[in-house]
Amino acid sequence: NVEDVMKFGSAFHFGLEAGSKSELLLAMSCLC
């Protein structure tokens, strides 16, 4: 779901918020 949001929101500069280390690692991989 996160990857889909990033894919479709890329044109709008969608970012991510991470509140834990596991979320942080997921966000890093998606935003790269």
Full PDB file with SEQRES, HELIX, SHEET, SSBOND, CRYST1, ORIGX, SCALE, CONECT and MASTER records, all heavy atoms in Angstrom:
SEQRES   1 A   32  ASN VAL GLU ASP VAL MET LYS PHE GLY SER ALA PHE HIS          
SEQRES   2 A   32  PHE GLY LEU GLU ALA GLY SER LYS SER GLU LEU LEU LEU          
SEQRES   3 A   32  ALA MET SER CYS LEU CYS                                      
HELIX    1 AA1 VAL A    2  GLY A    9  1                                   8    
HELIX    2 AA2 SER A   10  PHE A   12  5                                   3    
HELIX    3 AA3 LYS A   21  LEU A   31  1                                  11    
CRYST1    1.000    1.000    1.000  90.00  90.00  90.00 P 1           1          
ORIGX1      1.000000  0.000000  0.000000        0.00000                         
ORIGX2      0.000000  1.000000  0.000000        0.00000                         
ORIGX3      0.000000  0.000000  1.000000        0.00000                         
SCALE1      1.000000  0.000000  0.000000        0.00000                         
SCALE2      0.000000  1.000000  0.000000        0.00000                         
SCALE3      0.000000  0.000000  1.000000        0.00000                         
ATOM      1  N   ASN A   1       0.830  -1.205   0.000  1.00  0.00           N  
ATOM      2  CA  ASN A   1       0.000   0.000   0.000  1.00  0.00           C  
ATOM      3  C   ASN A   1       0.863   1.252   0.000  1.00  0.00           C  
ATOM      4  O   ASN A   1       0.575   2.221  -0.708  1.00  0.00           O  
ATOM      5  CB  ASN A   1      -0.938   0.014   1.212  1.00  0.00           C  
ATOM      6  CG  ASN A   1      -2.038  -1.000   1.097  1.00  0.00           C  
ATOM      7  OD1 ASN A   1      -2.367  -1.461   0.013  1.00  0.00           O  
ATOM      8  ND2 ASN A   1      -2.613  -1.358   2.230  1.00  0.00           N  
ATOM      9  N   VAL A   2       1.912   1.239   0.790  1.00  0.00           N  
ATOM     10  CA  VAL A   2       2.809   2.395   0.853  1.00  0.00           C  
ATOM     11  C   VAL A   2       3.475   2.614  -0.498  1.00  0.00           C  
ATOM     12  O   VAL A   2       3.567   3.738  -0.982  1.00  0.00           O  
ATOM     13  CB  VAL A   2       3.859   2.217   1.967  1.00  0.00           C  
ATOM     14  CG1 VAL A   2       4.885   3.337   1.935  1.00  0.00           C  
ATOM     15  CG2 VAL A   2       3.188   2.147   3.324  1.00  0.00           C  
ATOM     16  N   GLU A   3       3.934   1.548  -1.119  1.00  0.00           N  
ATOM     17  CA  GLU A   3       4.567   1.673  -2.431  1.00  0.00           C  
ATOM     18  C   GLU A   3       3.594   2.212  -3.473  1.00  0.00           C  
ATOM     19  O   GLU A   3       3.976   3.034  -4.317  1.00  0.00           O  
ATOM     20  CB  GLU A   3       5.143   0.328  -2.867  1.00  0.00           C  
ATOM     21  CG  GLU A   3       6.361  -0.067  -2.063  1.00  0.00           C  
ATOM     22  CD  GLU A   3       6.871  -1.466  -2.368  1.00  0.00           C  
ATOM     23  OE1 GLU A   3       6.176  -2.237  -3.071  1.00  0.00           O  
ATOM     24  OE2 GLU A   3       7.973  -1.793  -1.901  1.00  0.00           O  
ATOM     25  N   ASP A   4       2.330   1.791  -3.419  1.00  0.00           N  
ATOM     26  CA  ASP A   4       1.321   2.315  -4.351  1.00  0.00           C  
ATOM     27  C   ASP A   4       1.077   3.801  -4.130  1.00  0.00           C  
ATOM     28  O   ASP A   4       0.992   4.574  -5.088  1.00  0.00           O  
ATOM     29  CB  ASP A   4       0.003   1.556  -4.213  1.00  0.00           C  
ATOM     30  CG  ASP A   4       0.047   0.168  -4.838  1.00  0.00           C  
ATOM     31  OD1 ASP A   4       0.981  -0.100  -5.629  1.00  0.00           O  
ATOM     32  OD2 ASP A   4      -0.861  -0.638  -4.539  1.00  0.00           O  
ATOM     33  N   VAL A   5       0.975   4.210  -2.873  1.00  0.00           N  
ATOM     34  CA  VAL A   5       0.773   5.629  -2.569  1.00  0.00           C  
ATOM     35  C   VAL A   5       1.945   6.440  -3.099  1.00  0.00           C  
ATOM     36  O   VAL A   5       1.766   7.497  -3.712  1.00  0.00           O  
ATOM     37  CB  VAL A   5       0.594   5.845  -1.048  1.00  0.00           C  
ATOM     38  CG1 VAL A   5       0.698   7.316  -0.685  1.00  0.00           C  
ATOM     39  CG2 VAL A   5      -0.727   5.261  -0.581  1.00  0.00           C  
ATOM     40  N   MET A   6       3.155   5.958  -2.893  1.00  0.00           N  
ATOM     41  CA  MET A   6       4.338   6.676  -3.369  1.00  0.00           C  
ATOM     42  C   MET A   6       4.371   6.733  -4.893  1.00  0.00           C  
ATOM     43  O   MET A   6       4.733   7.746  -5.475  1.00  0.00           O  
ATOM     44  CB  MET A   6       5.610   6.031  -2.833  1.00  0.00           C  
ATOM     45  CG  MET A   6       5.767   6.144  -1.324  1.00  0.00           C  
ATOM     46  SD  MET A   6       5.593   7.828  -0.692  1.00  0.00           S  
ATOM     47  CE  MET A   6       6.913   8.657  -1.541  1.00  0.00           C  
ATOM     48  N   LYS A   7       3.995   5.640  -5.529  1.00  0.00           N  
ATOM     49  CA  LYS A   7       4.008   5.590  -7.001  1.00  0.00           C  
ATOM     50  C   LYS A   7       3.023   6.599  -7.586  1.00  0.00           C  
ATOM     51  O   LYS A   7       3.376   7.392  -8.457  1.00  0.00           O  
ATOM     52  CB  LYS A   7       3.659   4.180  -7.463  1.00  0.00           C  
ATOM     53  CG  LYS A   7       3.572   4.013  -8.955  1.00  0.00           C  
ATOM     54  CD  LYS A   7       3.205   2.577  -9.294  1.00  0.00           C  
ATOM     55  CE  LYS A   7       2.901   2.404 -10.767  1.00  0.00           C  
ATOM     56  NZ  LYS A   7       2.436   1.040 -11.068  1.00  0.00           N  
ATOM     57  N   PHE A   8       1.799   6.591  -7.096  1.00  0.00           N  
ATOM     58  CA  PHE A   8       0.776   7.461  -7.656  1.00  0.00           C  
ATOM     59  C   PHE A   8       0.881   8.894  -7.137  1.00  0.00           C  
ATOM     60  O   PHE A   8       0.399   9.818  -7.779  1.00  0.00           O  
ATOM     61  CB  PHE A   8      -0.615   6.886  -7.385  1.00  0.00           C  
ATOM     62  CG  PHE A   8      -0.845   5.573  -8.078  1.00  0.00           C  
ATOM     63  CD1 PHE A   8      -0.968   4.408  -7.352  1.00  0.00           C  
ATOM     64  CD2 PHE A   8      -0.888   5.504  -9.460  1.00  0.00           C  
ATOM     65  CE1 PHE A   8      -1.154   3.186  -7.983  1.00  0.00           C  
ATOM     66  CE2 PHE A   8      -1.066   4.287 -10.108  1.00  0.00           C  
ATOM     67  CZ  PHE A   8      -1.204   3.127  -9.373  1.00  0.00           C  
ATOM     68  N   GLY A   9       1.517   9.101  -6.006  1.00  0.00           N  
ATOM     69  CA  GLY A   9       1.659  10.436  -5.452  1.00  0.00           C  
ATOM     70  C   GLY A   9       2.967  11.115  -5.790  1.00  0.00           C  
ATOM     71  O   GLY A   9       3.211  12.240  -5.372  1.00  0.00           O  
ATOM     72  N   SER A  10       3.796  10.460  -6.574  1.00  0.00           N  
ATOM     73  CA  SER A  10       5.116  11.008  -6.900  1.00  0.00           C  
ATOM     74  C   SER A  10       5.025  12.382  -7.557  1.00  0.00           C  
ATOM     75  O   SER A  10       5.795  13.277  -7.240  1.00  0.00           O  
ATOM     76  CB  SER A  10       5.879  10.035  -7.792  1.00  0.00           C  
ATOM     77  OG  SER A  10       7.147  10.554  -8.100  1.00  0.00           O  
ATOM     78  N   ALA A  11       4.076  12.559  -8.446  1.00  0.00           N  
ATOM     79  CA  ALA A  11       3.929  13.842  -9.145  1.00  0.00           C  
ATOM     80  C   ALA A  11       3.539  14.964  -8.187  1.00  0.00           C  
ATOM     81  O   ALA A  11       3.764  16.141  -8.473  1.00  0.00           O  
ATOM     82  CB  ALA A  11       2.885  13.719 -10.237  1.00  0.00           C  
ATOM     83  N   PHE A  12       2.987  14.601  -7.027  1.00  0.00           N  
ATOM     84  CA  PHE A  12       2.547  15.585  -6.044  1.00  0.00           C  
ATOM     85  C   PHE A  12       3.522  15.705  -4.876  1.00  0.00           C  
ATOM     86  O   PHE A  12       3.222  16.341  -3.872  1.00  0.00           O  
ATOM     87  CB  PHE A  12       1.158  15.201  -5.524  1.00  0.00           C  
ATOM     88  CG  PHE A  12       0.158  15.030  -6.618  1.00  0.00           C  
ATOM     89  CD1 PHE A  12      -0.221  13.762  -7.022  1.00  0.00           C  
ATOM     90  CD2 PHE A  12      -0.379  16.128  -7.272  1.00  0.00           C  
ATOM     91  CE1 PHE A  12      -1.131  13.591  -8.046  1.00  0.00           C  
ATOM     92  CE2 PHE A  12      -1.292  15.965  -8.298  1.00  0.00           C  
ATOM     93  CZ  PHE A  12      -1.665  14.692  -8.686  1.00  0.00           C  
ATOM     94  N   HIS A  13       4.690  15.062  -5.003  1.00  0.00           N  
ATOM     95  CA  HIS A  13       5.740  15.106  -3.980  1.00  0.00           C  
ATOM     96  C   HIS A  13       5.278  14.512  -2.650  1.00  0.00           C  
ATOM     97  O   HIS A  13       5.646  15.009  -1.583  1.00  0.00           O  
ATOM     98  CB  HIS A  13       6.266  16.529  -3.766  1.00  0.00           C  
ATOM     99  CG  HIS A  13       6.585  17.256  -5.022  1.00  0.00           C  
ATOM    100  ND1 HIS A  13       7.598  16.857  -5.861  1.00  0.00           N  
ATOM    101  CD2 HIS A  13       6.015  18.332  -5.602  1.00  0.00           C  
ATOM    102  CE1 HIS A  13       7.640  17.670  -6.898  1.00  0.00           C  
ATOM    103  NE2 HIS A  13       6.691  18.575  -6.766  1.00  0.00           N  
ATOM    104  N   PHE A  14       4.471  13.445  -2.702  1.00  0.00           N  
ATOM    105  CA  PHE A  14       4.028  12.793  -1.471  1.00  0.00           C  
ATOM    106  C   PHE A  14       5.236  12.320  -0.690  1.00  0.00           C  
ATOM    107  O   PHE A  14       6.147  11.720  -1.235  1.00  0.00           O  
ATOM    108  CB  PHE A  14       3.151  11.580  -1.782  1.00  0.00           C  
ATOM    109  CG  PHE A  14       1.714  11.894  -2.072  1.00  0.00           C  
ATOM    110  CD1 PHE A  14       1.286  13.177  -2.317  1.00  0.00           C  
ATOM    111  CD2 PHE A  14       0.781  10.887  -2.092  1.00  0.00           C  
ATOM    112  CE1 PHE A  14      -0.034  13.462  -2.592  1.00  0.00           C  
ATOM    113  CE2 PHE A  14      -0.548  11.154  -2.364  1.00  0.00           C  
ATOM    114  CZ  PHE A  14      -0.959  12.452  -2.605  1.00  0.00           C  
ATOM    115  N   GLY A  15       5.230  12.573   0.596  1.00  0.00           N  
ATOM    116  CA  GLY A  15       6.281  12.098   1.475  1.00  0.00           C  
ATOM    117  C   GLY A  15       5.718  11.085   2.447  1.00  0.00           C  
ATOM    118  O   GLY A  15       4.563  10.686   2.337  1.00  0.00           O  
ATOM    119  N   LEU A  16       6.534  10.694   3.404  1.00  0.00           N  
ATOM    120  CA  LEU A  16       6.111   9.715   4.394  1.00  0.00           C  
ATOM    121  C   LEU A  16       6.539  10.152   5.787  1.00  0.00           C  
ATOM    122  O   LEU A  16       7.529  10.862   5.950  1.00  0.00           O  
ATOM    123  CB  LEU A  16       6.723   8.337   4.090  1.00  0.00           C  
ATOM    124  CG  LEU A  16       6.241   7.661   2.815  1.00  0.00           C  
ATOM    125  CD1 LEU A  16       7.083   6.426   2.533  1.00  0.00           C  
ATOM    126  CD2 LEU A  16       4.775   7.290   2.925  1.00  0.00           C  
ATOM    127  N   GLU A  17       5.787   9.683   6.780  1.00  0.00           N  
ATOM    128  CA  GLU A  17       6.100   9.914   8.178  1.00  0.00           C  
ATOM    129  C   GLU A  17       6.411   8.570   8.809  1.00  0.00           C  
ATOM    130  O   GLU A  17       5.742   7.578   8.532  1.00  0.00           O  
ATOM    131  CB  GLU A  17       4.891  10.561   8.882  1.00  0.00           C  
ATOM    132  CG  GLU A  17       5.074  10.809  10.353  1.00  0.00           C  
ATOM    133  CD  GLU A  17       4.619   9.651  11.218  1.00  0.00           C  
ATOM    134  OE1 GLU A  17       3.816   8.817  10.777  1.00  0.00           O  
ATOM    135  OE2 GLU A  17       5.104   9.561  12.361  1.00  0.00           O  
ATOM    136  N   ALA A  18       7.452   8.537   9.619  1.00  0.00           N  
ATOM    137  CA  ALA A  18       7.845   7.295  10.281  1.00  0.00           C  
ATOM    138  C   ALA A  18       7.927   7.539  11.784  1.00  0.00           C  
ATOM    139  O   ALA A  18       8.577   8.473  12.231  1.00  0.00           O  
ATOM    140  CB  ALA A  18       9.196   6.819   9.756  1.00  0.00           C  
ATOM    141  N   GLY A  19       7.259   6.673  12.535  1.00  0.00           N  
ATOM    142  CA  GLY A  19       7.252   6.814  13.980  1.00  0.00           C  
ATOM    143  C   GLY A  19       8.007   5.706  14.696  1.00  0.00           C  
ATOM    144  O   GLY A  19       8.154   5.730  15.900  1.00  0.00           O  
ATOM    145  N   SER A  20       8.483   4.719  13.936  1.00  0.00           N  
ATOM    146  CA  SER A  20       9.249   3.618  14.529  1.00  0.00           C  
ATOM    147  C   SER A  20      10.377   3.257  13.578  1.00  0.00           C  
ATOM    148  O   SER A  20      10.383   3.667  12.414  1.00  0.00           O  
ATOM    149  CB  SER A  20       8.352   2.402  14.773  1.00  0.00           C  
ATOM    150  OG  SER A  20       7.941   1.844  13.532  1.00  0.00           O  
ATOM    151  N   LYS A  21      11.320   2.468  14.064  1.00  0.00           N  
ATOM    152  CA  LYS A  21      12.453   2.088  13.208  1.00  0.00           C  
ATOM    153  C   LYS A  21      12.008   1.228  12.030  1.00  0.00           C  
ATOM    154  O   LYS A  21      12.528   1.371  10.927  1.00  0.00           O  
ATOM    155  CB  LYS A  21      13.513   1.363  14.028  1.00  0.00           C  
ATOM    156  CG  LYS A  21      14.233   2.289  14.975  1.00  0.00           C  
ATOM    157  CD  LYS A  21      15.230   1.555  15.832  1.00  0.00           C  
ATOM    158  CE  LYS A  21      15.772   2.480  16.894  1.00  0.00           C  
ATOM    159  NZ  LYS A  21      16.531   1.783  17.903  1.00  0.00           N  
ATOM    160  N   SER A  22      11.029   0.352  12.234  1.00  0.00           N  
ATOM    161  CA  SER A  22      10.550  -0.470  11.117  1.00  0.00           C  
ATOM    162  C   SER A  22       9.867   0.399  10.070  1.00  0.00           C  
ATOM    163  O   SER A  22      10.071   0.198   8.869  1.00  0.00           O  
ATOM    164  CB  SER A  22       9.612  -1.572  11.613  1.00  0.00           C  
ATOM    165  OG  SER A  22       8.491  -1.022  12.261  1.00  0.00           O  
ATOM    166  N   GLU A  23       9.066   1.364  10.502  1.00  0.00           N  
ATOM    167  CA  GLU A  23       8.450   2.285   9.552  1.00  0.00           C  
ATOM    168  C   GLU A  23       9.498   3.126   8.847  1.00  0.00           C  
ATOM    169  O   GLU A  23       9.384   3.429   7.665  1.00  0.00           O  
ATOM    170  CB  GLU A  23       7.451   3.199  10.268  1.00  0.00           C  
ATOM    171  CG  GLU A  23       6.196   2.518  10.718  1.00  0.00           C  
ATOM    172  CD  GLU A  23       5.244   3.469  11.423  1.00  0.00           C  
ATOM    173  OE1 GLU A  23       5.629   4.632  11.700  1.00  0.00           O  
ATOM    174  OE2 GLU A  23       4.114   3.039  11.712  1.00  0.00           O  
ATOM    175  N   LEU A  24      10.520   3.503   9.587  1.00  0.00           N  
ATOM    176  CA  LEU A  24      11.606   4.302   9.025  1.00  0.00           C  
ATOM    177  C   LEU A  24      12.312   3.562   7.894  1.00  0.00           C  
ATOM    178  O   LEU A  24      12.556   4.121   6.820  1.00  0.00           O  
ATOM    179  CB  LEU A  24      12.588   4.669  10.127  1.00  0.00           C  
ATOM    180  CG  LEU A  24      13.847   5.404   9.744  1.00  0.00           C  
ATOM    181  CD1 LEU A  24      13.518   6.691   9.016  1.00  0.00           C  
ATOM    182  CD2 LEU A  24      14.666   5.690  10.981  1.00  0.00           C  
ATOM    183  N   LEU A  25      12.611   2.295   8.105  1.00  0.00           N  
ATOM    184  CA  LEU A  25      13.276   1.508   7.063  1.00  0.00           C  
ATOM    185  C   LEU A  25      12.387   1.356   5.836  1.00  0.00           C  
ATOM    186  O   LEU A  25      12.860   1.445   4.693  1.00  0.00           O  
ATOM    187  CB  LEU A  25      13.689   0.147   7.615  1.00  0.00           C  
ATOM    188  CG  LEU A  25      14.782   0.193   8.679  1.00  0.00           C  
ATOM    189  CD1 LEU A  25      14.988  -1.184   9.302  1.00  0.00           C  
ATOM    190  CD2 LEU A  25      16.071   0.723   8.105  1.00  0.00           C  
ATOM    191  N   LEU A  26      11.091   1.137   6.051  1.00  0.00           N  
ATOM    192  CA  LEU A  26      10.156   1.035   4.936  1.00  0.00           C  
ATOM    193  C   LEU A  26      10.077   2.358   4.181  1.00  0.00           C  
ATOM    194  O   LEU A  26      10.131   2.387   2.949  1.00  0.00           O  
ATOM    195  CB  LEU A  26       8.773   0.619   5.437  1.00  0.00           C  
ATOM    196  CG  LEU A  26       7.660   0.583   4.400  1.00  0.00           C  
ATOM    197  CD1 LEU A  26       7.991  -0.395   3.269  1.00  0.00           C  
ATOM    198  CD2 LEU A  26       6.348   0.209   5.061  1.00  0.00           C  
ATOM    199  N   ALA A  27       9.985   3.457   4.911  1.00  0.00           N  
ATOM    200  CA  ALA A  27       9.914   4.772   4.277  1.00  0.00           C  
ATOM    201  C   ALA A  27      11.168   5.071   3.474  1.00  0.00           C  
ATOM    202  O   ALA A  27      11.100   5.592   2.361  1.00  0.00           O  
ATOM    203  CB  ALA A  27       9.686   5.848   5.339  1.00  0.00           C  
ATOM    204  N   MET A  28      12.322   4.729   4.027  1.00  0.00           N  
ATOM    205  CA  MET A  28      13.584   4.955   3.316  1.00  0.00           C  
ATOM    206  C   MET A  28      13.597   4.200   1.993  1.00  0.00           C  
ATOM    207  O   MET A  28      13.962   4.761   0.949  1.00  0.00           O  
ATOM    208  CB  MET A  28      14.766   4.512   4.172  1.00  0.00           C  
ATOM    209  CG  MET A  28      15.061   5.414   5.340  1.00  0.00           C  
ATOM    210  SD  MET A  28      16.253   4.719   6.507  1.00  0.00           S  
ATOM    211  CE  MET A  28      17.711   4.548   5.501  1.00  0.00           C  
ATOM    212  N   SER A  29      13.184   2.949   2.009  1.00  0.00           N  
ATOM    213  CA  SER A  29      13.216   2.157   0.779  1.00  0.00           C  
ATOM    214  C   SER A  29      12.222   2.686  -0.246  1.00  0.00           C  
ATOM    215  O   SER A  29      12.515   2.709  -1.443  1.00  0.00           O  
ATOM    216  CB  SER A  29      12.952   0.678   1.072  1.00  0.00           C  
ATOM    217  OG  SER A  29      11.621   0.467   1.464  1.00  0.00           O  
ATOM    218  N   CYS A  30      11.061   3.140   0.202  1.00  0.00           N  
ATOM    219  CA  CYS A  30      10.070   3.668  -0.733  1.00  0.00           C  
ATOM    220  C   CYS A  30      10.482   5.021  -1.300  1.00  0.00           C  
ATOM    221  O   CYS A  30      10.296   5.288  -2.483  1.00  0.00           O  
ATOM    222  CB  CYS A  30       8.710   3.794  -0.046  1.00  0.00           C  
ATOM    223  SG  CYS A  30       7.925   2.222   0.309  1.00  0.00           S  
ATOM    224  N   LEU A  31      11.043   5.873  -0.462  1.00  0.00           N  
ATOM    225  CA  LEU A  31      11.414   7.211  -0.927  1.00  0.00           C  
ATOM    226  C   LEU A  31      12.652   7.200  -1.812  1.00  0.00           C  
ATOM    227  O   LEU A  31      12.834   8.107  -2.625  1.00  0.00           O  
ATOM    228  CB  LEU A  31      11.607   8.154   0.253  1.00  0.00           C  
ATOM    229  CG  LEU A  31      10.303   8.585   0.934  1.00  0.00           C  
ATOM    230  CD1 LEU A  31      10.598   9.373   2.198  1.00  0.00           C  
ATOM    231  CD2 LEU A  31       9.452   9.418  -0.017  1.00  0.00           C  
ATOM    232  N   CYS A  32      13.499   6.201  -1.683  1.00  0.00           N  
ATOM    233  CA  CYS A  32      14.661   6.108  -2.572  1.00  0.00           C  
ATOM    234  C   CYS A  32      14.220   5.925  -4.023  1.00  0.00           C  
ATOM    235  O   CYS A  32      14.920   6.327  -4.941  1.00  0.00           O  
ATOM    236  CB  CYS A  32      15.567   4.949  -2.147  1.00  0.00           C  
ATOM    237  SG  CYS A  32      16.576   5.339  -0.709  1.00  0.00           S  
TER     238      CYS A  32                                                      
MASTER        0    0    0    3    0    0    0    6  237    1    0    3          
END                                                                             
